[in-house]
Amino acid sequence: MIENSYQTAPDPTDRTVLKLWVMAGGRCSFPGCNEYLLHDDVSLQNDKHGRVCHIVGRSTNPASPRGDDSMPVEQRSELHNLILLCSKHHDLVDRDEPDRYPVEVLQD
C-alpha cells in the first residue's frame, strides 16, 4: 500500500476568519464582483454567504488547486494566504479554471 505523504493545513482560527471578513468589507474579493456576502437578496436572509479560500492550496497535494507550493503547511491558514470569495468565484478559481488562477493572480 502506498502511503499518502500530503499534509493539510488546519482550519483558520475564528479570529483570522473574522479579520478576513472585516478586511474584505463582507464582499467578494474577486476583481469586478464586489458581491455583498452578508445578505441574500433572494431569500432576504442576513447570513454569511461567502467562502474563506486559500490562495496557496490548503493541501500540499500537487493535484489540488495551487497545492504545489513551497509555503509551509503551518502558514497556509494564516490571514496573508486567505481570500474571501462568493461561491460562484470560489468554484471558478478552485474547480472550474484553477490553472487560470495561480497564486500570483490571487495575491494581486
PDB file of N, CA and C in Angstrom:
ATOM      1  N   MET A   1       0.837  -1.179   0.000  1.00  0.00           N
ATOM      2  CA  MET A   1       0.000   0.000   0.000  1.00  0.00           C
ATOM      3  C   MET A   1       0.889   1.252   0.000  1.00  0.00           C
ATOM      4  N   ILE A   2       0.567   2.227  -0.842  1.00  0.00           N
ATOM      5  CA  ILE A   2       1.323   3.470  -0.935  1.00  0.00           C
ATOM      6  C   ILE A   2       0.756   4.452   0.081  1.00  0.00           C
ATOM      7  N   GLU A   3       1.635   4.999   0.908  1.00  0.00           N
ATOM      8  CA  GLU A   3       1.199   5.931   1.936  1.00  0.00           C
ATOM      9  C   GLU A   3       1.155   7.345   1.369  1.00  0.00           C
ATOM     10  N   ASN A   4       0.117   8.086   1.706  1.00  0.00           N
ATOM     11  CA  ASN A   4      -0.048   9.464   1.283  1.00  0.00           C
ATOM     12  C   ASN A   4       0.809  10.354   2.180  1.00  0.00           C
ATOM     13  N   SER A   5       1.702  11.106   1.607  1.00  0.00           N
ATOM     14  CA  SER A   5       2.573  11.971   2.393  1.00  0.00           C
ATOM     15  C   SER A   5       2.127  13.439   2.340  1.00  0.00           C
ATOM     16  N   TYR A   6       0.970  13.696   1.792  1.00  0.00           N
ATOM     17  CA  TYR A   6       0.484  15.067   1.692  1.00  0.00           C
ATOM     18  C   TYR A   6      -0.046  15.540   3.035  1.00  0.00           C
ATOM     19  N   GLN A   7       0.119  16.824   3.277  1.00  0.00           N
ATOM     20  CA  GLN A   7      -0.371  17.427   4.501  1.00  0.00           C
ATOM     21  C   GLN A   7      -1.488  18.399   4.175  1.00  0.00           C
ATOM     22  N   THR A   8      -2.351  18.646   5.168  1.00  0.00           N
ATOM     23  CA  THR A   8      -3.435  19.601   5.020  1.00  0.00           C
ATOM     24  C   THR A   8      -3.364  20.595   6.163  1.00  0.00           C
ATOM     25  N   ALA A   9      -3.475  21.857   5.830  1.00  0.00           N
ATOM     26  CA  ALA A   9      -3.428  22.906   6.841  1.00  0.00           C
ATOM     27  C   ALA A   9      -4.673  22.822   7.726  1.00  0.00           C
ATOM     28  N   PRO A  10      -4.554  23.236   8.967  1.00  0.00           N
ATOM     29  CA  PRO A  10      -5.731  23.266   9.842  1.00  0.00           C
ATOM     30  C   PRO A  10      -6.696  24.356   9.391  1.00  0.00           C
ATOM     31  N   ASP A  11      -7.900  24.316   9.917  1.00  0.00           N
ATOM     32  CA  ASP A  11      -8.852  25.385   9.644  1.00  0.00           C
ATOM     33  C   ASP A  11      -8.291  26.705  10.166  1.00  0.00           C
ATOM     34  N   PRO A  12      -8.586  27.814   9.490  1.00  0.00           N
ATOM     35  CA  PRO A  12      -8.178  29.108  10.042  1.00  0.00           C
ATOM     36  C   PRO A  12      -8.882  29.322  11.385  1.00  0.00           C
ATOM     37  N   THR A  13      -8.252  30.049  12.269  1.00  0.00           N
ATOM     38  CA  THR A  13      -8.873  30.333  13.563  1.00  0.00           C
ATOM     39  C   THR A  13     -10.072  31.260  13.367  1.00  0.00           C
ATOM     40  N   ASP A  14     -10.970  31.267  14.329  1.00  0.00           N
ATOM     41  CA  ASP A  14     -12.132  32.164  14.271  1.00  0.00           C
ATOM     42  C   ASP A  14     -11.683  33.622  14.179  1.00  0.00           C
ATOM     43  N   ARG A  15     -10.638  33.958  14.900  1.00  0.00           N
ATOM     44  CA  ARG A  15     -10.120  35.332  14.877  1.00  0.00           C
ATOM     45  C   ARG A  15      -9.605  35.698  13.480  1.00  0.00           C
ATOM     46  N   THR A  16      -8.908  34.778  12.845  1.00  0.00           N
ATOM     47  CA  THR A  16      -8.392  35.019  11.494  1.00  0.00           C
ATOM     48  C   THR A  16      -9.542  35.191  10.508  1.00  0.00           C
ATOM     49  N   VAL A  17     -10.557  34.353  10.610  1.00  0.00           N
ATOM     50  CA  VAL A  17     -11.718  34.449   9.719  1.00  0.00           C
ATOM     51  C   VAL A  17     -12.430  35.789   9.924  1.00  0.00           C
ATOM     52  N   LEU A  18     -12.597  36.205  11.164  1.00  0.00           N
ATOM     53  CA  LEU A  18     -13.232  37.492  11.447  1.00  0.00           C
ATOM     54  C   LEU A  18     -12.436  38.637  10.833  1.00  0.00           C
ATOM     55  N   LYS A  19     -11.120  38.610  10.986  1.00  0.00           N
ATOM     56  CA  LYS A  19     -10.267  39.646  10.390  1.00  0.00           C
ATOM     57  C   LYS A  19     -10.436  39.683   8.872  1.00  0.00           C
ATOM     58  N   LEU A  20     -10.494  38.508   8.252  1.00  0.00           N
ATOM     59  CA  LEU A  20     -10.656  38.448   6.793  1.00  0.00           C
ATOM     60  C   LEU A  20     -11.974  39.084   6.365  1.00  0.00           C
ATOM     61  N   TRP A  21     -13.067  38.724   7.048  1.00  0.00           N
ATOM     62  CA  TRP A  21     -14.376  39.297   6.715  1.00  0.00           C
ATOM     63  C   TRP A  21     -14.359  40.817   6.865  1.00  0.00           C
ATOM     64  N   VAL A  22     -13.729  41.308   7.913  1.00  0.00           N
ATOM     65  CA  VAL A  22     -13.663  42.750   8.147  1.00  0.00           C
ATOM     66  C   VAL A  22     -12.814  43.422   7.066  1.00  0.00           C
ATOM     67  N   MET A  23     -11.649  42.847   6.778  1.00  0.00           N
ATOM     68  CA  MET A  23     -10.765  43.434   5.759  1.00  0.00           C
ATOM     69  C   MET A  23     -11.422  43.463   4.388  1.00  0.00           C
ATOM     70  N   ALA A  24     -12.231  42.452   4.084  1.00  0.00           N
ATOM     71  CA  ALA A  24     -12.915  42.390   2.784  1.00  0.00           C
ATOM     72  C   ALA A  24     -14.208  43.205   2.786  1.00  0.00           C
ATOM     73  N   GLY A  25     -14.581  43.752   3.915  1.00  0.00           N
ATOM     74  CA  GLY A  25     -15.819  44.526   3.988  1.00  0.00           C
ATOM     75  C   GLY A  25     -17.055  43.670   3.747  1.00  0.00           C
ATOM     76  N   GLY A  26     -16.928  42.363   3.986  1.00  0.00           N
ATOM     77  CA  GLY A  26     -18.065  41.463   3.767  1.00  0.00           C
ATOM     78  C   GLY A  26     -18.393  41.279   2.295  1.00  0.00           C
ATOM     79  N   ARG A  27     -17.434  41.553   1.425  1.00  0.00           N
ATOM     80  CA  ARG A  27     -17.668  41.490  -0.022  1.00  0.00           C
ATOM     81  C   ARG A  27     -16.709  40.518  -0.698  1.00  0.00           C
ATOM     82  N   CYS A  28     -17.158  39.970  -1.813  1.00  0.00           N
ATOM     83  CA  CYS A  28     -16.316  39.085  -2.610  1.00  0.00           C
ATOM     84  C   CYS A  28     -15.110  39.871  -3.123  1.00  0.00           C
ATOM     85  N   SER A  29     -13.929  39.291  -2.961  1.00  0.00           N
ATOM     86  CA  SER A  29     -12.689  39.959  -3.368  1.00  0.00           C
ATOM     87  C   SER A  29     -12.289  39.674  -4.809  1.00  0.00           C
ATOM     88  N   PHE A  30     -13.102  38.919  -5.538  1.00  0.00           N
ATOM     89  CA  PHE A  30     -12.797  38.654  -6.940  1.00  0.00           C
ATOM     90  C   PHE A  30     -12.935  39.963  -7.717  1.00  0.00           C
ATOM     91  N   PRO A  31     -11.940  40.305  -8.547  1.00  0.00           N
ATOM     92  CA  PRO A  31     -11.990  41.575  -9.275  1.00  0.00           C
ATOM     93  C   PRO A  31     -13.287  41.748 -10.068  1.00  0.00           C
ATOM     94  N   GLY A  32     -13.947  42.867  -9.813  1.00  0.00           N
ATOM     95  CA  GLY A  32     -15.170  43.199 -10.532  1.00  0.00           C
ATOM     96  C   GLY A  32     -16.442  42.631  -9.920  1.00  0.00           C
ATOM     97  N   CYS A  33     -16.343  41.766  -8.929  1.00  0.00           N
ATOM     98  CA  CYS A  33     -17.548  41.159  -8.348  1.00  0.00           C
ATOM     99  C   CYS A  33     -18.121  42.050  -7.249  1.00  0.00           C
ATOM    100  N   ASN A  34     -17.428  42.150  -6.130  1.00  0.00           N
ATOM    101  CA  ASN A  34     -17.840  43.004  -5.020  1.00  0.00           C
ATOM    102  C   ASN A  34     -19.200  42.633  -4.424  1.00  0.00           C
ATOM    103  N   GLU A  35     -19.681  41.398  -4.633  1.00  0.00           N
ATOM    104  CA  GLU A  35     -20.970  40.977  -4.090  1.00  0.00           C
ATOM    105  C   GLU A  35     -20.955  41.054  -2.568  1.00  0.00           C
ATOM    106  N   TYR A  36     -22.001  41.627  -1.978  1.00  0.00           N
ATOM    107  CA  TYR A  36     -22.127  41.690  -0.532  1.00  0.00           C
ATOM    108  C   TYR A  36     -22.522  40.312  -0.030  1.00  0.00           C
ATOM    109  N   LEU A  37     -21.742  39.763   0.900  1.00  0.00           N
ATOM    110  CA  LEU A  37     -21.870  38.358   1.283  1.00  0.00           C
ATOM    111  C   LEU A  37     -22.543  38.146   2.629  1.00  0.00           C
ATOM    112  N   LEU A  38     -23.153  39.179   3.177  1.00  0.00           N
ATOM    113  CA  LEU A  38     -23.819  39.046   4.473  1.00  0.00           C
ATOM    114  C   LEU A  38     -25.338  39.152   4.365  1.00  0.00           C
ATOM    115  N   HIS A  39     -25.853  39.182   3.166  1.00  0.00           N
ATOM    116  CA  HIS A  39     -27.299  39.259   2.948  1.00  0.00           C
ATOM    117  C   HIS A  39     -27.631  38.603   1.615  1.00  0.00           C
ATOM    118  N   ASP A  40     -28.657  37.780   1.616  1.00  0.00           N
ATOM    119  CA  ASP A  40     -29.101  37.140   0.382  1.00  0.00           C
ATOM    120  C   ASP A  40     -30.299  37.911  -0.160  1.00  0.00           C
ATOM    121  N   ASP A  41     -30.163  38.475  -1.356  1.00  0.00           N
ATOM    122  CA  ASP A  41     -31.227  39.285  -1.942  1.00  0.00           C
ATOM    123  C   ASP A  41     -32.452  38.473  -2.358  1.00  0.00           C
ATOM    124  N   VAL A  42     -32.305  37.192  -2.533  1.00  0.00           N
ATOM    125  CA  VAL A  42     -33.437  36.356  -2.936  1.00  0.00           C
ATOM    126  C   VAL A  42     -34.251  35.937  -1.714  1.00  0.00           C
ATOM    127  N   SER A  43     -33.592  35.359  -0.724  1.00  0.00           N
ATOM    128  CA  SER A  43     -34.318  34.895   0.473  1.00  0.00           C
ATOM    129  C   SER A  43     -34.510  36.016   1.493  1.00  0.00           C
ATOM    130  N   LEU A  44     -33.791  37.121   1.319  1.00  0.00           N
ATOM    131  CA  LEU A  44     -33.812  38.266   2.223  1.00  0.00           C
ATOM    132  C   LEU A  44     -33.291  37.921   3.621  1.00  0.00           C
ATOM    133  N   GLN A  45     -32.480  36.869   3.700  1.00  0.00           N
ATOM    134  CA  GLN A  45     -31.900  36.441   4.968  1.00  0.00           C
ATOM    135  C   GLN A  45     -30.529  37.086   5.160  1.00  0.00           C
ATOM    136  N   ASN A  46     -30.279  37.516   6.400  1.00  0.00           N
ATOM    137  CA  ASN A  46     -28.958  38.004   6.764  1.00  0.00           C
ATOM    138  C   ASN A  46     -28.161  36.811   7.262  1.00  0.00           C
ATOM    139  N   ASP A  47     -27.134  36.461   6.534  1.00  0.00           N
ATOM    140  CA  ASP A  47     -26.307  35.314   6.875  1.00  0.00           C
ATOM    141  C   ASP A  47     -25.016  35.423   6.074  1.00  0.00           C
ATOM    142  N   LYS A  48     -24.010  34.677   6.478  1.00  0.00           N
ATOM    143  CA  LYS A  48     -22.749  34.668   5.734  1.00  0.00           C
ATOM    144  C   LYS A  48     -22.890  33.764   4.512  1.00  0.00           C
ATOM    145  N   HIS A  49     -22.687  34.343   3.343  1.00  0.00           N
ATOM    146  CA  HIS A  49     -22.794  33.587   2.096  1.00  0.00           C
ATOM    147  C   HIS A  49     -21.459  33.517   1.357  1.00  0.00           C
ATOM    148  N   GLY A  50     -20.397  33.876   2.018  1.00  0.00           N
ATOM    149  CA  GLY A  50     -19.080  33.856   1.396  1.00  0.00           C
ATOM    150  C   GLY A  50     -18.298  32.623   1.785  1.00  0.00           C
ATOM    151  N   ARG A  51     -17.184  32.448   1.106  1.00  0.00           N
ATOM    152  CA  ARG A  51     -16.299  31.318   1.382  1.00  0.00           C
ATOM    153  C   ARG A  51     -14.891  31.837   1.639  1.00  0.00           C
ATOM    154  N   VAL A  52     -14.311  31.349   2.715  1.00  0.00           N
ATOM    155  CA  VAL A  52     -12.927  31.657   3.039  1.00  0.00           C
ATOM    156  C   VAL A  52     -12.072  30.689   2.232  1.00  0.00           C
ATOM    157  N   CYS A  53     -11.241  31.233   1.357  1.00  0.00           N
ATOM    158  CA  CYS A  53     -10.488  30.408   0.414  1.00  0.00           C
ATOM    159  C   CYS A  53      -8.984  30.584   0.609  1.00  0.00           C
ATOM    160  N   HIS A  54      -8.270  29.513   0.381  1.00  0.00           N
ATOM    161  CA  HIS A  54      -6.810  29.532   0.465  1.00  0.00           C
ATOM    162  C   HIS A  54      -6.222  29.955  -0.884  1.00  0.00           C
ATOM    163  N   ILE A  55      -5.251  30.857  -0.840  1.00  0.00           N
ATOM    164  CA  ILE A  55      -4.558  31.268  -2.062  1.00  0.00           C
ATOM    165  C   ILE A  55      -3.582  30.165  -2.454  1.00  0.00           C
ATOM    166  N   VAL A  56      -2.590  29.917  -1.606  1.00  0.00           N
ATOM    167  CA  VAL A  56      -1.793  28.695  -1.766  1.00  0.00           C
ATOM    168  C   VAL A  56      -2.669  27.597  -1.186  1.00  0.00           C
ATOM    169  N   GLY A  57      -2.821  26.511  -1.903  1.00  0.00           N
ATOM    170  CA  GLY A  57      -3.744  25.465  -1.509  1.00  0.00           C
ATOM    171  C   GLY A  57      -3.588  24.984  -0.080  1.00  0.00           C
ATOM    172  N   ARG A  58      -4.695  24.600   0.496  1.00  0.00           N
ATOM    173  CA  ARG A  58      -4.695  24.094   1.866  1.00  0.00           C
ATOM    174  C   ARG A  58      -3.922  22.772   1.966  1.00  0.00           C
ATOM    175  N   SER A  59      -3.994  21.970   0.925  1.00  0.00           N
ATOM    176  CA  SER A  59      -3.307  20.687   0.885  1.00  0.00           C
ATOM    177  C   SER A  59      -1.993  20.821   0.120  1.00  0.00           C
ATOM    178  N   THR A  60      -1.007  20.038   0.519  1.00  0.00           N
ATOM    179  CA  THR A  60       0.269  20.031  -0.202  1.00  0.00           C
ATOM    180  C   THR A  60       0.233  19.106  -1.408  1.00  0.00           C
ATOM    181  N   ASN A  61      -0.896  18.497  -1.663  1.00  0.00           N
ATOM    182  CA  ASN A  61      -1.056  17.608  -2.818  1.00  0.00           C
ATOM    183  C   ASN A  61      -0.923  18.435  -4.098  1.00  0.00           C
ATOM    184  N   PRO A  62       0.041  18.139  -4.954  1.00  0.00           N
ATOM    185  CA  PRO A  62       0.220  18.921  -6.185  1.00  0.00           C
ATOM    186  C   PRO A  62      -0.969  18.823  -7.139  1.00  0.00           C
ATOM    187  N   ALA A  63      -1.821  17.827  -6.949  1.00  0.00           N
ATOM    188  CA  ALA A  63      -3.007  17.697  -7.805  1.00  0.00           C
ATOM    189  C   ALA A  63      -4.140  18.608  -7.350  1.00  0.00           C
ATOM    190  N   SER A  64      -4.037  19.165  -6.149  1.00  0.00           N
ATOM    191  CA  SER A  64      -5.086  20.079  -5.674  1.00  0.00           C
ATOM    192  C   SER A  64      -4.768  21.484  -6.159  1.00  0.00           C
ATOM    193  N   PRO A  65      -5.789  22.358  -6.271  1.00  0.00           N
ATOM    194  CA  PRO A  65      -5.538  23.713  -6.768  1.00  0.00           C
ATOM    195  C   PRO A  65      -4.485  24.439  -5.945  1.00  0.00           C
ATOM    196  N   ARG A  66      -3.418  24.845  -6.596  1.00  0.00           N
ATOM    197  CA  ARG A  66      -2.331  25.623  -6.008  1.00  0.00           C
ATOM    198  C   ARG A  66      -1.682  24.935  -4.802  1.00  0.00           C
ATOM    199  N   GLY A  67      -1.727  23.609  -4.774  1.00  0.00           N
ATOM    200  CA  GLY A  67      -1.152  22.858  -3.662  1.00  0.00           C
ATOM    201  C   GLY A  67       0.343  22.689  -3.751  1.00  0.00           C
ATOM    202  N   ASP A  68       0.873  22.733  -4.959  1.00  0.00           N
ATOM    203  CA  ASP A  68       2.304  22.513  -5.178  1.00  0.00           C
ATOM    204  C   ASP A  68       3.043  23.836  -4.992  1.00  0.00           C
ATOM    205  N   ASP A  69       3.315  24.169  -3.745  1.00  0.00           N
ATOM    206  CA  ASP A  69       3.947  25.440  -3.418  1.00  0.00           C
ATOM    207  C   ASP A  69       4.883  25.206  -2.243  1.00  0.00           C
ATOM    208  N   SER A  70       5.895  26.020  -2.124  1.00  0.00           N
ATOM    209  CA  SER A  70       6.877  25.836  -1.056  1.00  0.00           C
ATOM    210  C   SER A  70       6.411  26.395   0.290  1.00  0.00           C
ATOM    211  N   MET A  71       5.269  27.072   0.329  1.00  0.00           N
ATOM    212  CA  MET A  71       4.785  27.608   1.599  1.00  0.00           C
ATOM    213  C   MET A  71       4.558  26.476   2.597  1.00  0.00           C
ATOM    214  N   PRO A  72       5.105  26.594   3.803  1.00  0.00           N
ATOM    215  CA  PRO A  72       4.891  25.558   4.812  1.00  0.00           C
ATOM    216  C   PRO A  72       3.409  25.399   5.149  1.00  0.00           C
ATOM    217  N   VAL A  73       2.999  24.179   5.387  1.00  0.00           N
ATOM    218  CA  VAL A  73       1.596  23.894   5.667  1.00  0.00           C
ATOM    219  C   VAL A  73       1.105  24.661   6.893  1.00  0.00           C
ATOM    220  N   GLU A  74       1.993  24.942   7.843  1.00  0.00           N
ATOM    221  CA  GLU A  74       1.609  25.660   9.059  1.00  0.00           C
ATOM    222  C   GLU A  74       1.189  27.103   8.777  1.00  0.00           C
ATOM    223  N   GLN A  75       1.607  27.652   7.638  1.00  0.00           N
ATOM    224  CA  GLN A  75       1.288  29.042   7.293  1.00  0.00           C
ATOM    225  C   GLN A  75       0.098  29.168   6.350  1.00  0.00           C
ATOM    226  N   ARG A  76      -0.398  28.067   5.855  1.00  0.00           N
ATOM    227  CA  ARG A  76      -1.402  28.128   4.795  1.00  0.00           C
ATOM    228  C   ARG A  76      -2.789  28.593   5.235  1.00  0.00           C
ATOM    229  N   SER A  77      -3.063  28.606   6.522  1.00  0.00           N
ATOM    230  CA  SER A  77      -4.358  29.102   7.007  1.00  0.00           C
ATOM    231  C   SER A  77      -4.219  30.430   7.731  1.00  0.00           C
ATOM    232  N   GLU A  78      -3.102  31.112   7.518  1.00  0.00           N
ATOM    233  CA  GLU A  78      -2.911  32.436   8.088  1.00  0.00           C
ATOM    234  C   GLU A  78      -3.548  33.482   7.173  1.00  0.00           C
ATOM    235  N   LEU A  79      -3.817  34.645   7.734  1.00  0.00           N
ATOM    236  CA  LEU A  79      -4.548  35.703   7.042  1.00  0.00           C
ATOM    237  C   LEU A  79      -3.943  36.073   5.686  1.00  0.00           C
ATOM    238  N   HIS A  80      -2.616  36.143   5.593  1.00  0.00           N
ATOM    239  CA  HIS A  80      -1.966  36.560   4.345  1.00  0.00           C
ATOM    240  C   HIS A  80      -2.205  35.565   3.197  1.00  0.00           C
ATOM    241  N   ASN A  81      -2.706  34.382   3.512  1.00  0.00           N
ATOM    242  CA  ASN A  81      -2.930  33.368   2.475  1.00  0.00           C
ATOM    243  C   ASN A  81      -4.413  33.082   2.255  1.00  0.00           C
ATOM    244  N   LEU A  82      -5.270  33.948   2.720  1.00  0.00           N
ATOM    245  CA  LEU A  82      -6.712  33.732   2.583  1.00  0.00           C
ATOM    246  C   LEU A  82      -7.343  34.850   1.775  1.00  0.00           C
ATOM    247  N   ILE A  83      -8.446  34.512   1.133  1.00  0.00           N
ATOM    248  CA  ILE A  83      -9.211  35.475   0.348  1.00  0.00           C
ATOM    249  C   ILE A  83     -10.695  35.136   0.529  1.00  0.00           C
ATOM    250  N   LEU A  84     -11.527  36.160   0.601  1.00  0.00           N
ATOM    251  CA  LEU A  84     -12.971  35.956   0.746  1.00  0.00           C
ATOM    252  C   LEU A  84     -13.615  36.040  -0.630  1.00  0.00           C
ATOM    253  N   LEU A  85     -14.345  34.990  -1.002  1.00  0.00           N
ATOM    254  CA  LEU A  85     -14.985  34.939  -2.314  1.00  0.00           C
ATOM    255  C   LEU A  85     -16.445  34.514  -2.177  1.00  0.00           C
ATOM    256  N   CYS A  86     -17.258  34.918  -3.150  1.00  0.00           N
ATOM    257  CA  CYS A  86     -18.612  34.383  -3.249  1.00  0.00           C
ATOM    258  C   CYS A  86     -18.496  32.938  -3.753  1.00  0.00           C
ATOM    259  N   SER A  87     -19.554  32.176  -3.615  1.00  0.00           N
ATOM    260  CA  SER A  87     -19.481  30.760  -4.006  1.00  0.00           C
ATOM    261  C   SER A  87     -19.198  30.597  -5.498  1.00  0.00           C
ATOM    262  N   LYS A  88     -19.735  31.479  -6.322  1.00  0.00           N
ATOM    263  CA  LYS A  88     -19.504  31.387  -7.768  1.00  0.00           C
ATOM    264  C   LYS A  88     -18.019  31.532  -8.095  1.00  0.00           C
ATOM    265  N   HIS A  89     -17.373  32.517  -7.503  1.00  0.00           N
ATOM    266  CA  HIS A  89     -15.963  32.741  -7.813  1.00  0.00           C
ATOM    267  C   HIS A  89     -15.052  31.752  -7.096  1.00  0.00           C
ATOM    268  N   HIS A  90     -15.459  31.258  -5.951  1.00  0.00           N
ATOM    269  CA  HIS A  90     -14.689  30.185  -5.310  1.00  0.00           C
ATOM    270  C   HIS A  90     -14.653  28.962  -6.217  1.00  0.00           C
ATOM    271  N   ASP A  91     -15.802  28.574  -6.758  1.00  0.00           N
ATOM    272  CA  ASP A  91     -15.859  27.420  -7.661  1.00  0.00           C
ATOM    273  C   ASP A  91     -15.042  27.670  -8.922  1.00  0.00           C
ATOM    274  N   LEU A  92     -15.059  28.903  -9.409  1.00  0.00           N
ATOM    275  CA  LEU A  92     -14.301  29.243 -10.612  1.00  0.00           C
ATOM    276  C   LEU A  92     -12.802  29.056 -10.378  1.00  0.00           C
ATOM    277  N   VAL A  93     -12.279  29.579  -9.280  1.00  0.00           N
ATOM    278  CA  VAL A  93     -10.830  29.519  -9.071  1.00  0.00           C
ATOM    279  C   VAL A  93     -10.352  28.164  -8.553  1.00  0.00           C
ATOM    280  N   ASP A  94     -11.223  27.393  -7.913  1.00  0.00           N
ATOM    281  CA  ASP A  94     -10.791  26.102  -7.363  1.00  0.00           C
ATOM    282  C   ASP A  94     -11.240  24.893  -8.171  1.00  0.00           C
ATOM    283  N   ARG A  95     -12.359  24.969  -8.828  1.00  0.00           N
ATOM    284  CA  ARG A  95     -12.897  23.796  -9.514  1.00  0.00           C
ATOM    285  C   ARG A  95     -12.899  23.945 -11.030  1.00  0.00           C
ATOM    286  N   ASP A  96     -13.425  25.055 -11.518  1.00  0.00           N
ATOM    287  CA  ASP A  96     -13.650  25.203 -12.958  1.00  0.00           C
ATOM    288  C   ASP A  96     -12.393  25.567 -13.744  1.00  0.00           C
ATOM    289  N   GLU A  97     -11.624  26.533 -13.255  1.00  0.00           N
ATOM    290  CA  GLU A  97     -10.460  27.016 -14.001  1.00  0.00           C
ATOM    291  C   GLU A  97      -9.260  27.286 -13.091  1.00  0.00           C
ATOM    292  N   PRO A  98      -8.831  26.314 -12.299  1.00  0.00           N
ATOM    293  CA  PRO A  98      -7.734  26.585 -11.357  1.00  0.00           C
ATOM    294  C   PRO A  98      -6.421  26.989 -12.032  1.00  0.00           C
ATOM    295  N   ASP A  99      -6.156  26.513 -13.229  1.00  0.00           N
ATOM    296  CA  ASP A  99      -4.907  26.872 -13.914  1.00  0.00           C
ATOM    297  C   ASP A  99      -4.894  28.340 -14.334  1.00  0.00           C
ATOM    298  N   ARG A 100      -6.070  28.918 -14.503  1.00  0.00           N
ATOM    299  CA  ARG A 100      -6.184  30.326 -14.887  1.00  0.00           C
ATOM    300  C   ARG A 100      -5.947  31.256 -13.689  1.00  0.00           C
ATOM    301  N   TYR A 101      -6.026  30.686 -12.481  1.00  0.00           N
ATOM    302  CA  TYR A 101      -5.887  31.489 -11.267  1.00  0.00           C
ATOM    303  C   TYR A 101      -4.770  30.952 -10.373  1.00  0.00           C
ATOM    304  N   PRO A 102      -3.505  31.142 -10.799  1.00  0.00           N
ATOM    305  CA  PRO A 102      -2.372  30.710  -9.965  1.00  0.00           C
ATOM    306  C   PRO A 102      -2.233  31.629  -8.745  1.00  0.00           C
ATOM    307  N   VAL A 103      -1.342  31.281  -7.872  1.00  0.00           N
ATOM    308  CA  VAL A 103      -1.122  32.027  -6.637  1.00  0.00           C
ATOM    309  C   VAL A 103      -0.908  33.517  -6.918  1.00  0.00           C
ATOM    310  N   GLU A 104      -0.072  33.848  -7.895  1.00  0.00           N
ATOM    311  CA  GLU A 104       0.268  35.244  -8.175  1.00  0.00           C
ATOM    312  C   GLU A 104      -0.968  36.055  -8.553  1.00  0.00           C
ATOM    313  N   VAL A 105      -1.864  35.486  -9.307  1.00  0.00           N
ATOM    314  CA  VAL A 105      -3.091  36.201  -9.713  1.00  0.00           C
ATOM    315  C   VAL A 105      -3.974  36.455  -8.504  1.00  0.00           C
ATOM    316  N   LEU A 106      -4.129  35.459  -7.649  1.00  0.00           N
ATOM    317  CA  LEU A 106      -4.985  35.620  -6.469  1.00  0.00           C
ATOM    318  C   LEU A 106      -4.374  36.566  -5.438  1.00  0.00           C
ATOM    319  N   GLN A 107      -3.073  36.635  -5.378  1.00  0.00           N
ATOM    320  CA  GLN A 107      -2.433  37.569  -4.452  1.00  0.00           C
ATOM    321  C   GLN A 107      -2.638  39.011  -4.878  1.00  0.00           C
ATOM    322  N   ASP A 108      -2.739  39.246  -6.172  1.00  0.00           N
ATOM    323  CA  ASP A 108      -2.973  40.614  -6.669  1.00  0.00           C
ATOM    324  C   ASP A 108      -4.354  41.071  -6.274  1.00  0.00           C
TER     325      ASP A 108
END
